[in-house]
Amino acid sequence: MDSQASNLLLHVNAPISNAQLQLLQRAVGGIAGVRRVAPSVRLERLLMVDYDPLAVSARAILARVQTQGHAAQLVGL
C-alpha cells in the first residue's frame, strides 16, 4: 500500500496552555498515519496536521482532539 500525504487545519475553540498544547500534540501525533502536528506560528489555536489519508481520516483526527477534552473543528471541510 502506497502512503499519501494530506494535511488539515484544526481550530481549537478555547485558548489552551503550552502544557495542554504539548499534550494535544502528543495525543494527535500518536495516531497511526499522522506524520506531523505543529501549532500555527501566526494564528493562535490552529494546529496543522500532516497525515496519510489511507491510514487515518480527518474525522478520526478531530475525534482524538475532542476526546482530549477540546472543542475543535476542521477548517475548510
PDB file of N, CA and C in Angstrom:
ATOM      1  N   MET A   1       0.839  -1.170   0.000  1.00  0.00           N
ATOM      2  CA  MET A   1       0.000   0.000   0.000  1.00  0.00           C
ATOM      3  C   MET A   1       0.891   1.243   0.000  1.00  0.00           C
ATOM      4  N   ASP A   2       0.703   2.123  -0.958  1.00  0.00           N
ATOM      5  CA  ASP A   2       1.455   3.369  -1.018  1.00  0.00           C
ATOM      6  C   ASP A   2       0.871   4.355  -0.023  1.00  0.00           C
ATOM      7  N   SER A   3       1.737   5.124   0.614  1.00  0.00           N
ATOM      8  CA  SER A   3       1.234   6.155   1.516  1.00  0.00           C
ATOM      9  C   SER A   3       1.041   7.446   0.730  1.00  0.00           C
ATOM     10  N   GLN A   4       0.105   8.229   1.172  1.00  0.00           N
ATOM     11  CA  GLN A   4      -0.178   9.515   0.556  1.00  0.00           C
ATOM     12  C   GLN A   4       0.027  10.590   1.608  1.00  0.00           C
ATOM     13  N   ALA A   5       0.115  11.807   1.168  1.00  0.00           N
ATOM     14  CA  ALA A   5       0.279  12.919   2.096  1.00  0.00           C
ATOM     15  C   ALA A   5      -0.889  13.878   1.949  1.00  0.00           C
ATOM     16  N   SER A   6      -1.510  14.183   3.055  1.00  0.00           N
ATOM     17  CA  SER A   6      -2.553  15.199   3.119  1.00  0.00           C
ATOM     18  C   SER A   6      -2.279  16.040   4.346  1.00  0.00           C
ATOM     19  N   ASN A   7      -2.911  17.175   4.389  1.00  0.00           N
ATOM     20  CA  ASN A   7      -2.800  17.985   5.595  1.00  0.00           C
ATOM     21  C   ASN A   7      -4.138  18.612   5.898  1.00  0.00           C
ATOM     22  N   LEU A   8      -4.282  19.005   7.154  1.00  0.00           N
ATOM     23  CA  LEU A   8      -5.509  19.653   7.577  1.00  0.00           C
ATOM     24  C   LEU A   8      -5.193  20.684   8.632  1.00  0.00           C
ATOM     25  N   LEU A   9      -6.146  21.572   8.816  1.00  0.00           N
ATOM     26  CA  LEU A   9      -6.072  22.562   9.882  1.00  0.00           C
ATOM     27  C   LEU A   9      -7.163  22.270  10.886  1.00  0.00           C
ATOM     28  N   LEU A  10      -6.796  22.284  12.155  1.00  0.00           N
ATOM     29  CA  LEU A  10      -7.746  22.128  13.246  1.00  0.00           C
ATOM     30  C   LEU A  10      -7.804  23.429  14.019  1.00  0.00           C
ATOM     31  N   HIS A  11      -8.994  23.913  14.271  1.00  0.00           N
ATOM     32  CA  HIS A  11      -9.168  25.096  15.105  1.00  0.00           C
ATOM     33  C   HIS A  11      -9.683  24.648  16.462  1.00  0.00           C
ATOM     34  N   VAL A  12      -8.912  24.936  17.509  1.00  0.00           N
ATOM     35  CA  VAL A  12      -9.324  24.644  18.881  1.00  0.00           C
ATOM     36  C   VAL A  12     -10.060  25.876  19.383  1.00  0.00           C
ATOM     37  N   ASN A  13     -11.299  25.678  19.852  1.00  0.00           N
ATOM     38  CA  ASN A  13     -12.164  26.810  20.184  1.00  0.00           C
ATOM     39  C   ASN A  13     -11.645  27.703  21.306  1.00  0.00           C
ATOM     40  N   ALA A  14     -11.188  27.114  22.391  1.00  0.00           N
ATOM     41  CA  ALA A  14     -10.765  27.902  23.548  1.00  0.00           C
ATOM     42  C   ALA A  14      -9.251  27.954  23.619  1.00  0.00           C
ATOM     43  N   PRO A  15      -8.726  29.028  24.180  1.00  0.00           N
ATOM     44  CA  PRO A  15      -7.270  29.088  24.364  1.00  0.00           C
ATOM     45  C   PRO A  15      -6.800  27.923  25.242  1.00  0.00           C
ATOM     46  N   ILE A  16      -5.614  27.405  24.932  1.00  0.00           N
ATOM     47  CA  ILE A  16      -5.050  26.333  25.748  1.00  0.00           C
ATOM     48  C   ILE A  16      -3.632  26.710  26.145  1.00  0.00           C
ATOM     49  N   SER A  17      -3.214  26.194  27.285  1.00  0.00           N
ATOM     50  CA  SER A  17      -1.873  26.500  27.784  1.00  0.00           C
ATOM     51  C   SER A  17      -0.826  25.755  26.954  1.00  0.00           C
ATOM     52  N   ASN A  18       0.413  26.145  27.133  1.00  0.00           N
ATOM     53  CA  ASN A  18       1.500  25.456  26.425  1.00  0.00           C
ATOM     54  C   ASN A  18       1.559  23.988  26.825  1.00  0.00           C
ATOM     55  N   ALA A  19       1.328  23.690  28.101  1.00  0.00           N
ATOM     56  CA  ALA A  19       1.342  22.298  28.564  1.00  0.00           C
ATOM     57  C   ALA A  19       0.212  21.506  27.912  1.00  0.00           C
ATOM     58  N   GLN A  20      -0.975  22.101  27.831  1.00  0.00           N
ATOM     59  CA  GLN A  20      -2.100  21.432  27.177  1.00  0.00           C
ATOM     60  C   GLN A  20      -1.817  21.226  25.692  1.00  0.00           C
ATOM     61  N   LEU A  21      -1.206  22.211  25.069  1.00  0.00           N
ATOM     62  CA  LEU A  21      -0.861  22.112  23.651  1.00  0.00           C
ATOM     63  C   LEU A  21       0.109  20.960  23.408  1.00  0.00           C
ATOM     64  N   GLN A  22       1.092  20.821  24.261  1.00  0.00           N
ATOM     65  CA  GLN A  22       2.053  19.727  24.114  1.00  0.00           C
ATOM     66  C   GLN A  22       1.372  18.377  24.278  1.00  0.00           C
ATOM     67  N   LEU A  23       0.464  18.261  25.244  1.00  0.00           N
ATOM     68  CA  LEU A  23      -0.278  17.010  25.428  1.00  0.00           C
ATOM     69  C   LEU A  23      -1.133  16.706  24.201  1.00  0.00           C
ATOM     70  N   LEU A  24      -1.767  17.732  23.667  1.00  0.00           N
ATOM     71  CA  LEU A  24      -2.607  17.556  22.489  1.00  0.00           C
ATOM     72  C   LEU A  24      -1.771  17.139  21.277  1.00  0.00           C
ATOM     73  N   GLN A  25      -0.614  17.758  21.106  1.00  0.00           N
ATOM     74  CA  GLN A  25       0.273  17.384  20.006  1.00  0.00           C
ATOM     75  C   GLN A  25       0.702  15.920  20.126  1.00  0.00           C
ATOM     76  N   ARG A  26       1.015  15.474  21.329  1.00  0.00           N
ATOM     77  CA  ARG A  26       1.407  14.074  21.529  1.00  0.00           C
ATOM     78  C   ARG A  26       0.245  13.137  21.263  1.00  0.00           C
ATOM     79  N   ALA A  27      -0.955  13.511  21.710  1.00  0.00           N
ATOM     80  CA  ALA A  27      -2.127  12.654  21.507  1.00  0.00           C
ATOM     81  C   ALA A  27      -2.435  12.490  20.023  1.00  0.00           C
ATOM     82  N   VAL A  28      -2.414  13.591  19.285  1.00  0.00           N
ATOM     83  CA  VAL A  28      -2.698  13.529  17.848  1.00  0.00           C
ATOM     84  C   VAL A  28      -1.530  12.878  17.109  1.00  0.00           C
ATOM     85  N   GLY A  29      -0.314  13.217  17.503  1.00  0.00           N
ATOM     86  CA  GLY A  29       0.861  12.641  16.867  1.00  0.00           C
ATOM     87  C   GLY A  29       0.993  11.140  17.085  1.00  0.00           C
ATOM     88  N   GLY A  30       0.321  10.626  18.100  1.00  0.00           N
ATOM     89  CA  GLY A  30       0.362   9.199  18.389  1.00  0.00           C
ATOM     90  C   GLY A  30      -0.584   8.359  17.549  1.00  0.00           C
ATOM     91  N   ILE A  31      -1.394   9.006  16.729  1.00  0.00           N
ATOM     92  CA  ILE A  31      -2.322   8.287  15.857  1.00  0.00           C
ATOM     93  C   ILE A  31      -1.548   7.689  14.685  1.00  0.00           C
ATOM     94  N   ALA A  32      -1.776   6.405  14.421  1.00  0.00           N
ATOM     95  CA  ALA A  32      -1.124   5.772  13.268  1.00  0.00           C
ATOM     96  C   ALA A  32      -1.524   6.504  11.996  1.00  0.00           C
ATOM     97  N   GLY A  33      -0.557   6.900  11.212  1.00  0.00           N
ATOM     98  CA  GLY A  33      -0.821   7.623   9.969  1.00  0.00           C
ATOM     99  C   GLY A  33      -0.585   9.119  10.075  1.00  0.00           C
ATOM    100  N   VAL A  34      -0.486   9.645  11.283  1.00  0.00           N
ATOM    101  CA  VAL A  34      -0.182  11.073  11.461  1.00  0.00           C
ATOM    102  C   VAL A  34       1.332  11.232  11.427  1.00  0.00           C
ATOM    103  N   ARG A  35       1.779  12.109  10.560  1.00  0.00           N
ATOM    104  CA  ARG A  35       3.216  12.303  10.372  1.00  0.00           C
ATOM    105  C   ARG A  35       3.769  13.487  11.152  1.00  0.00           C
ATOM    106  N   ARG A  36       2.964  14.541  11.282  1.00  0.00           N
ATOM    107  CA  ARG A  36       3.459  15.757  11.938  1.00  0.00           C
ATOM    108  C   ARG A  36       2.288  16.541  12.477  1.00  0.00           C
ATOM    109  N   VAL A  37       2.467  17.110  13.650  1.00  0.00           N
ATOM    110  CA  VAL A  37       1.478  18.002  14.252  1.00  0.00           C
ATOM    111  C   VAL A  37       2.228  19.246  14.697  1.00  0.00           C
ATOM    112  N   ALA A  38       1.799  20.401  14.229  1.00  0.00           N
ATOM    113  CA  ALA A  38       2.500  21.631  14.580  1.00  0.00           C
ATOM    114  C   ALA A  38       1.502  22.762  14.789  1.00  0.00           C
ATOM    115  N   PRO A  39       1.702  23.525  15.849  1.00  0.00           N
ATOM    116  CA  PRO A  39       0.841  24.695  16.035  1.00  0.00           C
ATOM    117  C   PRO A  39       1.203  25.763  15.013  1.00  0.00           C
ATOM    118  N   SER A  40       0.211  26.542  14.623  1.00  0.00           N
ATOM    119  CA  SER A  40       0.461  27.644  13.703  1.00  0.00           C
ATOM    120  C   SER A  40       1.291  28.700  14.406  1.00  0.00           C
ATOM    121  N   VAL A  41       2.273  29.205  13.716  1.00  0.00           N
ATOM    122  CA  VAL A  41       3.126  30.245  14.281  1.00  0.00           C
ATOM    123  C   VAL A  41       2.376  31.577  14.343  1.00  0.00           C
ATOM    124  N   ARG A  42       1.536  31.819  13.348  1.00  0.00           N
ATOM    125  CA  ARG A  42       0.876  33.118  13.248  1.00  0.00           C
ATOM    126  C   ARG A  42      -0.535  33.159  13.814  1.00  0.00           C
ATOM    127  N   LEU A  43      -1.222  32.048  13.812  1.00  0.00           N
ATOM    128  CA  LEU A  43      -2.623  32.057  14.226  1.00  0.00           C
ATOM    129  C   LEU A  43      -2.829  31.166  15.444  1.00  0.00           C
ATOM    130  N   GLU A  44      -3.130  31.804  16.545  1.00  0.00           N
ATOM    131  CA  GLU A  44      -3.354  31.084  17.797  1.00  0.00           C
ATOM    132  C   GLU A  44      -4.519  30.100  17.656  1.00  0.00           C
ATOM    133  N   ARG A  45      -4.389  28.961  18.265  1.00  0.00           N
ATOM    134  CA  ARG A  45      -5.421  27.921  18.328  1.00  0.00           C
ATOM    135  C   ARG A  45      -5.586  27.113  17.043  1.00  0.00           C
ATOM    136  N   LEU A  46      -4.666  27.244  16.102  1.00  0.00           N
ATOM    137  CA  LEU A  46      -4.701  26.402  14.910  1.00  0.00           C
ATOM    138  C   LEU A  46      -3.583  25.365  14.982  1.00  0.00           C
ATOM    139  N   LEU A  47      -3.930  24.136  14.659  1.00  0.00           N
ATOM    140  CA  LEU A  47      -2.942  23.066  14.559  1.00  0.00           C
ATOM    141  C   LEU A  47      -2.895  22.588  13.122  1.00  0.00           C
ATOM    142  N   MET A  48      -1.699  22.445  12.595  1.00  0.00           N
ATOM    143  CA  MET A  48      -1.515  21.898  11.258  1.00  0.00           C
ATOM    144  C   MET A  48      -1.103  20.437  11.412  1.00  0.00           C
ATOM    145  N   VAL A  49      -1.800  19.565  10.711  1.00  0.00           N
ATOM    146  CA  VAL A  49      -1.551  18.128  10.824  1.00  0.00           C
ATOM    147  C   VAL A  49      -1.273  17.556   9.441  1.00  0.00           C
ATOM    148  N   ASP A  50      -0.138  16.892   9.308  1.00  0.00           N
ATOM    149  CA  ASP A  50       0.188  16.139   8.088  1.00  0.00           C
ATOM    150  C   ASP A  50      -0.112  14.678   8.380  1.00  0.00           C
ATOM    151  N   TYR A  51      -0.833  14.023   7.469  1.00  0.00           N
ATOM    152  CA  TYR A  51      -1.247  12.647   7.728  1.00  0.00           C
ATOM    153  C   TYR A  51      -1.437  11.877   6.428  1.00  0.00           C
ATOM    154  N   ASP A  52      -1.530  10.558   6.560  1.00  0.00           N
ATOM    155  CA  ASP A  52      -1.776   9.667   5.435  1.00  0.00           C
ATOM    156  C   ASP A  52      -3.264   9.313   5.444  1.00  0.00           C
ATOM    157  N   PRO A  53      -4.045   9.804   4.470  1.00  0.00           N
ATOM    158  CA  PRO A  53      -5.485   9.545   4.464  1.00  0.00           C
ATOM    159  C   PRO A  53      -5.843   8.080   4.214  1.00  0.00           C
ATOM    160  N   LEU A  54      -4.877   7.282   3.769  1.00  0.00           N
ATOM    161  CA  LEU A  54      -5.130   5.848   3.627  1.00  0.00           C
ATOM    162  C   LEU A  54      -5.051   5.137   4.980  1.00  0.00           C
ATOM    163  N   ALA A  55      -4.408   5.787   5.958  1.00  0.00           N
ATOM    164  CA  ALA A  55      -4.237   5.189   7.280  1.00  0.00           C
ATOM    165  C   ALA A  55      -5.188   5.752   8.325  1.00  0.00           C
ATOM    166  N   VAL A  56      -5.580   7.013   8.181  1.00  0.00           N
ATOM    167  CA  VAL A  56      -6.437   7.665   9.177  1.00  0.00           C
ATOM    168  C   VAL A  56      -7.253   8.756   8.487  1.00  0.00           C
ATOM    169  N   SER A  57      -8.464   8.963   8.954  1.00  0.00           N
ATOM    170  CA  SER A  57      -9.322  10.003   8.370  1.00  0.00           C
ATOM    171  C   SER A  57      -9.190  11.311   9.143  1.00  0.00           C
ATOM    172  N   ALA A  58      -9.550  12.383   8.486  1.00  0.00           N
ATOM    173  CA  ALA A  58      -9.571  13.691   9.145  1.00  0.00           C
ATOM    174  C   ALA A  58     -10.549  13.670  10.321  1.00  0.00           C
ATOM    175  N   ARG A  59     -11.665  13.003  10.155  1.00  0.00           N
ATOM    176  CA  ARG A  59     -12.657  12.908  11.243  1.00  0.00           C
ATOM    177  C   ARG A  59     -12.102  12.168  12.456  1.00  0.00           C
ATOM    178  N   ALA A  60     -11.286  11.149  12.228  1.00  0.00           N
ATOM    179  CA  ALA A  60     -10.679  10.417  13.342  1.00  0.00           C
ATOM    180  C   ALA A  60      -9.683  11.300  14.092  1.00  0.00           C
ATOM    181  N   ILE A  61      -8.966  12.137  13.364  1.00  0.00           N
ATOM    182  CA  ILE A  61      -8.036  13.072  13.999  1.00  0.00           C
ATOM    183  C   ILE A  61      -8.819  14.067  14.842  1.00  0.00           C
ATOM    184  N   LEU A  62      -9.898  14.607  14.286  1.00  0.00           N
ATOM    185  CA  LEU A  62     -10.750  15.528  15.040  1.00  0.00           C
ATOM    186  C   LEU A  62     -11.303  14.842  16.290  1.00  0.00           C
ATOM    187  N   ALA A  63     -11.742  13.609  16.155  1.00  0.00           N
ATOM    188  CA  ALA A  63     -12.294  12.877  17.304  1.00  0.00           C
ATOM    189  C   ALA A  63     -11.262  12.735  18.415  1.00  0.00           C
ATOM    190  N   ARG A  64      -9.997  12.512  18.058  1.00  0.00           N
ATOM    191  CA  ARG A  64      -8.948  12.403  19.079  1.00  0.00           C
ATOM    192  C   ARG A  64      -8.802  13.711  19.848  1.00  0.00           C
ATOM    193  N   VAL A  65      -8.857  14.832  19.131  1.00  0.00           N
ATOM    194  CA  VAL A  65      -8.774  16.139  19.797  1.00  0.00           C
ATOM    195  C   VAL A  65      -9.949  16.300  20.762  1.00  0.00           C
ATOM    196  N   GLN A  66     -11.123  15.924  20.315  1.00  0.00           N
ATOM    197  CA  GLN A  66     -12.315  16.067  21.146  1.00  0.00           C
ATOM    198  C   GLN A  66     -12.277  15.138  22.351  1.00  0.00           C
ATOM    199  N   THR A  67     -11.742  13.941  22.211  1.00  0.00           N
ATOM    200  CA  THR A  67     -11.646  13.038  23.361  1.00  0.00           C
ATOM    201  C   THR A  67     -10.618  13.516  24.373  1.00  0.00           C
ATOM    202  N   GLN A  68      -9.757  14.432  23.962  1.00  0.00           N
ATOM    203  CA  GLN A  68      -8.805  15.041  24.890  1.00  0.00           C
ATOM    204  C   GLN A  68      -9.436  16.206  25.654  1.00  0.00           C
ATOM    205  N   GLY A  69     -10.721  16.457  25.378  1.00  0.00           N
ATOM    206  CA  GLY A  69     -11.449  17.488  26.112  1.00  0.00           C
ATOM    207  C   GLY A  69     -11.478  18.856  25.459  1.00  0.00           C
ATOM    208  N   HIS A  70     -11.141  18.928  24.184  1.00  0.00           N
ATOM    209  CA  HIS A  70     -11.110  20.215  23.487  1.00  0.00           C
ATOM    210  C   HIS A  70     -12.203  20.273  22.428  1.00  0.00           C
ATOM    211  N   ALA A  71     -12.965  21.351  22.439  1.00  0.00           N
ATOM    212  CA  ALA A  71     -13.898  21.600  21.355  1.00  0.00           C
ATOM    213  C   ALA A  71     -13.083  22.115  20.182  1.00  0.00           C
ATOM    214  N   ALA A  72     -13.295  21.542  19.002  1.00  0.00           N
ATOM    215  CA  ALA A  72     -12.494  21.906  17.831  1.00  0.00           C
ATOM    216  C   ALA A  72     -13.267  21.616  16.561  1.00  0.00           C
ATOM    217  N   GLN A  73     -12.826  22.226  15.471  1.00  0.00           N
ATOM    218  CA  GLN A  73     -13.409  21.996  14.155  1.00  0.00           C
ATOM    219  C   GLN A  73     -12.302  21.826  13.147  1.00  0.00           C
ATOM    220  N   LEU A  74     -12.622  21.102  12.070  1.00  0.00           N
ATOM    221  CA  LEU A  74     -11.744  21.030  10.925  1.00  0.00           C
ATOM    222  C   LEU A  74     -11.977  22.290  10.107  1.00  0.00           C
ATOM    223  N   VAL A  75     -10.929  22.987   9.737  1.00  0.00           N
ATOM    224  CA  VAL A  75     -11.040  24.218   8.978  1.00  0.00           C
ATOM    225  C   VAL A  75     -11.080  23.862   7.491  1.00  0.00           C
ATOM    226  N   GLY A  76     -12.080  24.372   6.800  1.00  0.00           N
ATOM    227  CA  GLY A  76     -12.168  24.179   5.358  1.00  0.00           C
ATOM    228  C   GLY A  76     -12.890  22.930   4.920  1.00  0.00           C
ATOM    229  N   LEU A  77     -13.421  22.138   5.840  1.00  0.00           N
ATOM    230  CA  LEU A  77     -14.153  20.930   5.480  1.00  0.00           C
ATOM    231  C   LEU A  77     -15.618  21.087   5.838  1.00  0.00           C
TER     232      LEU A  77
END
